[in-house]
Amino acid sequence: MAQDETCRWLVVEARDGVLRNLMTRAADYYEFRQAHVRSCAPPKEVVQDILATPPAEWGFPALQSIITSPALREDGTVIQTPGYDPASRLYYAPDPTLVLPDLVEEPTTDHRQIALEMIQDILVDFPFVDDASRANAIAAMLTPICRPAIRGATPLALFDATRRVPAKVCSPRW
């Protein structure tokens, strides 16, 4: 993994220089020359041999995606520990400055009501055309968090007005 110029995480191909660097930091390598032993970098032939191996044979677990905020697993539990999550095949890499409150395993009715009020507070000043439009906005906000818990496709959210559209005033026909 690497970060781009905006600090967004990316999955990158392991090239020989990168792999050799990682191997150098992961183990000590030695070469035997006549009666002498000395430290060395991993042999280039070993690095090339590893890179020639199909990735499926490397033995690493599958990676579905990288996430930067907590998300739901299919079983409804929350991914909140940074690192690889085997159950979801997601890698959670939060921003180091992200501070989240402790989450409860079993939310109460009060927890759910407070969460709903917080969501509605974000949208309180937006003049939605109707309740369906408000529900669409809330669903669009929650989908990225819930997406890992949903098998199959999720509905596409469409926003066709980002500001209030004045009501049309009909002029009388004479």
C-alpha atoms as a PDB file:
ATOM      1  CA  MET A   1       0.000   0.000   0.000  1.00  0.00           C
ATOM      2  CA  ALA A   2       1.056   3.563  -0.605  1.00  0.00           C
ATOM      3  CA  GLN A   3      -0.456   7.000  -0.260  1.00  0.00           C
ATOM      4  CA  ASP A   4      -0.972   9.472  -3.083  1.00  0.00           C
ATOM      5  CA  GLU A   5      -0.435  13.243  -2.879  1.00  0.00           C
ATOM      6  CA  THR A   6      -3.802  13.680  -1.124  1.00  0.00           C
ATOM      7  CA  CYS A   7      -2.901  11.007   1.494  1.00  0.00           C
ATOM      8  CA  ARG A   8      -5.448   8.605   0.011  1.00  0.00           C
ATOM      9  CA  TRP A   9      -4.434   4.947   0.339  1.00  0.00           C
ATOM     10  CA  LEU A  10      -3.699   2.981  -2.808  1.00  0.00           C
ATOM     11  CA  VAL A  11      -2.877  -0.639  -3.541  1.00  0.00           C
ATOM     12  CA  VAL A  12       0.270  -0.653  -5.654  1.00  0.00           C
ATOM     13  CA  GLU A  13       2.125  -3.348  -7.559  1.00  0.00           C
ATOM     14  CA  ALA A  14       5.149  -4.782  -5.769  1.00  0.00           C
ATOM     15  CA  ARG A  15       8.094  -4.030  -8.034  1.00  0.00           C
ATOM     16  CA  ASP A  16      11.572  -5.425  -7.593  1.00  0.00           C
ATOM     17  CA  GLY A  17      13.044  -2.373  -5.832  1.00  0.00           C
ATOM     18  CA  VAL A  18      10.135  -2.122  -3.406  1.00  0.00           C
ATOM     19  CA  LEU A  19      10.092  -5.854  -2.715  1.00  0.00           C
ATOM     20  CA  ARG A  20      13.864  -5.953  -2.220  1.00  0.00           C
ATOM     21  CA  ASN A  21      13.608  -3.050   0.225  1.00  0.00           C
ATOM     22  CA  LEU A  22      10.857  -4.796   2.203  1.00  0.00           C
ATOM     23  CA  MET A  23      12.801  -8.062   2.234  1.00  0.00           C
ATOM     24  CA  THR A  24      15.918  -6.236   3.482  1.00  0.00           C
ATOM     25  CA  ARG A  25      13.952  -4.780   6.387  1.00  0.00           C
ATOM     26  CA  ALA A  26      12.203  -8.074   7.172  1.00  0.00           C
ATOM     27  CA  ALA A  27      15.220 -10.397   7.476  1.00  0.00           C
ATOM     28  CA  ASP A  28      18.997 -10.523   7.671  1.00  0.00           C
ATOM     29  CA  TYR A  29      20.792 -11.831   4.585  1.00  0.00           C
ATOM     30  CA  TYR A  30      24.355 -13.123   4.449  1.00  0.00           C
ATOM     31  CA  GLU A  31      26.695 -14.292   1.769  1.00  0.00           C
ATOM     32  CA  PHE A  32      29.557 -16.701   2.194  1.00  0.00           C
ATOM     33  CA  ARG A  33      32.778 -15.798   0.396  1.00  0.00           C
ATOM     34  CA  GLN A  34      35.528 -18.312   0.912  1.00  0.00           C
ATOM     35  CA  ALA A  35      36.059 -18.286   4.685  1.00  0.00           C
ATOM     36  CA  HIS A  36      34.191 -15.012   5.298  1.00  0.00           C
ATOM     37  CA  VAL A  37      30.542 -14.280   6.035  1.00  0.00           C
ATOM     38  CA  ARG A  38      29.183 -10.807   5.394  1.00  0.00           C
ATOM     39  CA  SER A  39      25.836  -9.078   5.486  1.00  0.00           C
ATOM     40  CA  CYS A  40      24.195  -8.363   2.121  1.00  0.00           C
ATOM     41  CA  ALA A  41      20.924  -7.368   0.463  1.00  0.00           C
ATOM     42  CA  PRO A  42      18.548 -10.085  -0.752  1.00  0.00           C
ATOM     43  CA  PRO A  43      19.845 -11.567  -4.022  1.00  0.00           C
ATOM     44  CA  LYS A  44      18.169 -10.061  -7.090  1.00  0.00           C
ATOM     45  CA  GLU A  45      17.463 -13.561  -8.408  1.00  0.00           C
ATOM     46  CA  VAL A  46      15.398 -14.348  -5.288  1.00  0.00           C
ATOM     47  CA  VAL A  47      13.440 -11.098  -5.656  1.00  0.00           C
ATOM     48  CA  GLN A  48      12.775 -11.837  -9.356  1.00  0.00           C
ATOM     49  CA  ASP A  49      11.730 -15.392  -8.505  1.00  0.00           C
ATOM     50  CA  ILE A  50       9.217 -14.129  -5.945  1.00  0.00           C
ATOM     51  CA  LEU A  51       7.840 -11.588  -8.431  1.00  0.00           C
ATOM     52  CA  ALA A  52       7.477 -14.344 -11.046  1.00  0.00           C
ATOM     53  CA  THR A  53       5.242 -16.318  -8.678  1.00  0.00           C
ATOM     54  CA  PRO A  54       1.519 -15.751  -9.367  1.00  0.00           C
ATOM     55  CA  PRO A  55       0.034 -13.572  -6.587  1.00  0.00           C
ATOM     56  CA  ALA A  56      -2.545 -16.249  -5.736  1.00  0.00           C
ATOM     57  CA  GLU A  57       0.350 -18.510  -4.697  1.00  0.00           C
ATOM     58  CA  TRP A  58       1.923 -15.966  -2.327  1.00  0.00           C
ATOM     59  CA  GLY A  59      -0.378 -17.022   0.496  1.00  0.00           C
ATOM     60  CA  PHE A  60      -1.623 -13.551   1.355  1.00  0.00           C
ATOM     61  CA  PRO A  61      -5.302 -13.134   2.250  1.00  0.00           C
ATOM     62  CA  ALA A  62      -7.570 -11.499  -0.320  1.00  0.00           C
ATOM     63  CA  LEU A  63      -7.964  -7.718  -0.086  1.00  0.00           C
ATOM     64  CA  GLN A  64     -11.369  -6.374  -1.072  1.00  0.00           C
ATOM     65  CA  SER A  65     -10.687  -2.694  -0.433  1.00  0.00           C
ATOM     66  CA  ILE A  66      -9.076  -0.114   1.815  1.00  0.00           C
ATOM     67  CA  ILE A  67     -11.394   1.869   4.078  1.00  0.00           C
ATOM     68  CA  THR A  68     -10.603   4.972   6.120  1.00  0.00           C
ATOM     69  CA  SER A  69     -13.620   5.004   8.415  1.00  0.00           C
ATOM     70  CA  PRO A  70     -15.421   2.304  10.415  1.00  0.00           C
ATOM     71  CA  ALA A  71     -17.809   0.127   8.420  1.00  0.00           C
ATOM     72  CA  LEU A  72     -20.237  -2.736   9.003  1.00  0.00           C
ATOM     73  CA  ARG A  73     -19.394  -6.374   8.411  1.00  0.00           C
ATOM     74  CA  GLU A  74     -21.997  -8.714   6.922  1.00  0.00           C
ATOM     75  CA  ASP A  75     -22.831  -9.942  10.435  1.00  0.00           C
ATOM     76  CA  GLY A  76     -23.649  -6.372  11.528  1.00  0.00           C
ATOM     77  CA  THR A  77     -20.578  -5.877  13.733  1.00  0.00           C
ATOM     78  CA  VAL A  78     -18.427  -2.801  13.240  1.00  0.00           C
ATOM     79  CA  ILE A  79     -14.897  -2.765  11.830  1.00  0.00           C
ATOM     80  CA  GLN A  80     -13.136  -0.383  14.186  1.00  0.00           C
ATOM     81  CA  THR A  81      -9.663  -1.864  14.736  1.00  0.00           C
ATOM     82  CA  PRO A  82      -7.051  -0.531  12.283  1.00  0.00           C
ATOM     83  CA  GLY A  83      -5.426  -3.113  10.018  1.00  0.00           C
ATOM     84  CA  TYR A  84      -6.630  -6.076   7.980  1.00  0.00           C
ATOM     85  CA  ASP A  85     -10.053  -7.475   8.861  1.00  0.00           C
ATOM     86  CA  PRO A  86     -10.259 -11.138   7.734  1.00  0.00           C
ATOM     87  CA  ALA A  87     -14.044 -11.360   8.039  1.00  0.00           C
ATOM     88  CA  SER A  88     -14.655  -8.545   5.546  1.00  0.00           C
ATOM     89  CA  ARG A  89     -11.346  -8.690   3.644  1.00  0.00           C
ATOM     90  CA  LEU A  90     -11.080  -4.929   4.199  1.00  0.00           C
ATOM     91  CA  TYR A  91      -8.023  -3.039   5.404  1.00  0.00           C
ATOM     92  CA  TYR A  92      -8.991  -0.274   7.823  1.00  0.00           C
ATOM     93  CA  ALA A  93      -6.499   2.601   7.638  1.00  0.00           C
ATOM     94  CA  PRO A  94      -8.000   5.511   9.590  1.00  0.00           C
ATOM     95  CA  ASP A  95      -6.508   8.980   9.597  1.00  0.00           C
ATOM     96  CA  PRO A  96      -4.304   9.200  12.707  1.00  0.00           C
ATOM     97  CA  THR A  97      -6.241  12.274  13.845  1.00  0.00           C
ATOM     98  CA  LEU A  98      -9.624  10.496  13.702  1.00  0.00           C
ATOM     99  CA  VAL A  99     -11.160  10.298  17.171  1.00  0.00           C
ATOM    100  CA  LEU A 100     -14.295   8.210  17.575  1.00  0.00           C
ATOM    101  CA  PRO A 101     -16.364   7.515  20.665  1.00  0.00           C
ATOM    102  CA  ASP A 102     -16.519   3.958  21.963  1.00  0.00           C
ATOM    103  CA  LEU A 103     -19.229   1.965  20.229  1.00  0.00           C
ATOM    104  CA  VAL A 104     -21.660  -0.209  22.118  1.00  0.00           C
ATOM    105  CA  GLU A 105     -22.350  -3.784  20.988  1.00  0.00           C
ATOM    106  CA  GLU A 106     -26.099  -3.518  21.520  1.00  0.00           C
ATOM    107  CA  PRO A 107     -27.455  -0.022  20.786  1.00  0.00           C
ATOM    108  CA  THR A 108     -30.539   0.953  22.771  1.00  0.00           C
ATOM    109  CA  THR A 109     -33.565   2.816  21.468  1.00  0.00           C
ATOM    110  CA  ASP A 110     -32.016   5.986  22.922  1.00  0.00           C
ATOM    111  CA  HIS A 111     -28.768   5.373  20.994  1.00  0.00           C
ATOM    112  CA  ARG A 112     -30.702   4.940  17.762  1.00  0.00           C
ATOM    113  CA  GLN A 113     -32.824   8.031  18.403  1.00  0.00           C
ATOM    114  CA  ILE A 114     -29.740  10.169  19.124  1.00  0.00           C
ATOM    115  CA  ALA A 115     -28.042   8.866  15.957  1.00  0.00           C
ATOM    116  CA  LEU A 116     -31.125   9.668  13.868  1.00  0.00           C
ATOM    117  CA  GLU A 117     -31.316  13.166  15.355  1.00  0.00           C
ATOM    118  CA  MET A 118     -27.628  13.738  14.545  1.00  0.00           C
ATOM    119  CA  ILE A 119     -28.203  12.715  10.921  1.00  0.00           C
ATOM    120  CA  GLN A 120     -31.306  14.875  10.648  1.00  0.00           C
ATOM    121  CA  ASP A 121     -29.415  17.795  12.214  1.00  0.00           C
ATOM    122  CA  ILE A 122     -26.909  17.687   9.356  1.00  0.00           C
ATOM    123  CA  LEU A 123     -29.758  18.096   6.856  1.00  0.00           C
ATOM    124  CA  VAL A 124     -32.040  20.369   8.884  1.00  0.00           C
ATOM    125  CA  ASP A 125     -31.595  23.463   6.705  1.00  0.00           C
ATOM    126  CA  PHE A 126     -31.871  21.749   3.332  1.00  0.00           C
ATOM    127  CA  PRO A 127     -35.275  22.288   1.739  1.00  0.00           C
ATOM    128  CA  PHE A 128     -36.104  18.830   0.445  1.00  0.00           C
ATOM    129  CA  VAL A 129     -38.968  18.558  -2.001  1.00  0.00           C
ATOM    130  CA  ASP A 130     -40.501  15.633  -0.110  1.00  0.00           C
ATOM    131  CA  ASP A 131     -39.793  12.915   2.452  1.00  0.00           C
ATOM    132  CA  ALA A 132     -38.578  10.541  -0.269  1.00  0.00           C
ATOM    133  CA  SER A 133     -35.859  13.036  -1.231  1.00  0.00           C
ATOM    134  CA  ARG A 134     -34.798  13.352   2.409  1.00  0.00           C
ATOM    135  CA  ALA A 135     -34.710   9.541   2.757  1.00  0.00           C
ATOM    136  CA  ASN A 136     -32.591   9.314  -0.415  1.00  0.00           C
ATOM    137  CA  ALA A 137     -30.057  11.774   1.032  1.00  0.00           C
ATOM    138  CA  ILE A 138     -29.866   9.858   4.323  1.00  0.00           C
ATOM    139  CA  ALA A 139     -29.468   6.546   2.461  1.00  0.00           C
ATOM    140  CA  ALA A 140     -26.680   8.051   0.331  1.00  0.00           C
ATOM    141  CA  MET A 141     -24.860   9.153   3.506  1.00  0.00           C
ATOM    142  CA  LEU A 142     -25.178   5.740   5.172  1.00  0.00           C
ATOM    143  CA  THR A 143     -24.489   3.498   2.161  1.00  0.00           C
ATOM    144  CA  PRO A 144     -20.650   3.788   2.277  1.00  0.00           C
ATOM    145  CA  ILE A 145     -20.693   2.746   5.938  1.00  0.00           C
ATOM    146  CA  CYS A 146     -23.134  -0.115   5.410  1.00  0.00           C
ATOM    147  CA  ARG A 147     -21.836  -1.215   1.991  1.00  0.00           C
ATOM    148  CA  PRO A 148     -19.515  -3.980   3.246  1.00  0.00           C
ATOM    149  CA  ALA A 149     -22.483  -5.596   5.017  1.00  0.00           C
ATOM    150  CA  ILE A 150     -24.605  -5.717   1.858  1.00  0.00           C
ATOM    151  CA  ARG A 151     -24.287  -8.629  -0.550  1.00  0.00           C
ATOM    152  CA  GLY A 152     -24.799  -7.664  -4.159  1.00  0.00           C
ATOM    153  CA  ALA A 153     -25.524  -4.296  -5.644  1.00  0.00           C
ATOM    154  CA  THR A 154     -26.678  -1.204  -3.820  1.00  0.00           C
ATOM    155  CA  PRO A 155     -29.001   1.396  -5.319  1.00  0.00           C
ATOM    156  CA  LEU A 156     -27.454   4.366  -7.054  1.00  0.00           C
ATOM    157  CA  ALA A 157     -28.171   7.705  -5.414  1.00  0.00           C
ATOM    158  CA  LEU A 158     -28.967  10.570  -7.730  1.00  0.00           C
ATOM    159  CA  PHE A 159     -28.898  14.227  -6.750  1.00  0.00           C
ATOM    160  CA  ASP A 160     -30.415  16.487  -9.347  1.00  0.00           C
ATOM    161  CA  ALA A 161     -30.759  19.644  -7.275  1.00  0.00           C
ATOM    162  CA  THR A 162     -28.128  20.882  -4.873  1.00  0.00           C
ATOM    163  CA  ARG A 163     -29.870  24.109  -4.040  1.00  0.00           C
ATOM    164  CA  ARG A 164     -33.400  25.321  -3.601  1.00  0.00           C
ATOM    165  CA  VAL A 165     -35.282  25.724  -6.837  1.00  0.00           C
ATOM    166  CA  PRO A 166     -37.736  28.602  -6.647  1.00  0.00           C
ATOM    167  CA  ALA A 167     -41.336  27.674  -7.285  1.00  0.00           C
ATOM    168  CA  LYS A 168     -42.587  28.607 -10.715  1.00  0.00           C
ATOM    169  CA  VAL A 169     -44.976  31.492 -10.733  1.00  0.00           C
ATOM    170  CA  CYS A 170     -47.565  31.211 -13.407  1.00  0.00           C
ATOM    171  CA  SER A 171     -48.544  34.431 -15.066  1.00  0.00           C
ATOM    172  CA  PRO A 172     -52.150  34.720 -16.049  1.00  0.00           C
ATOM    173  CA  ARG A 173     -52.936  34.211 -19.722  1.00  0.00           C
ATOM    174  CA  TRP A 174     -54.886  37.080 -21.214  1.00  0.00           C
END
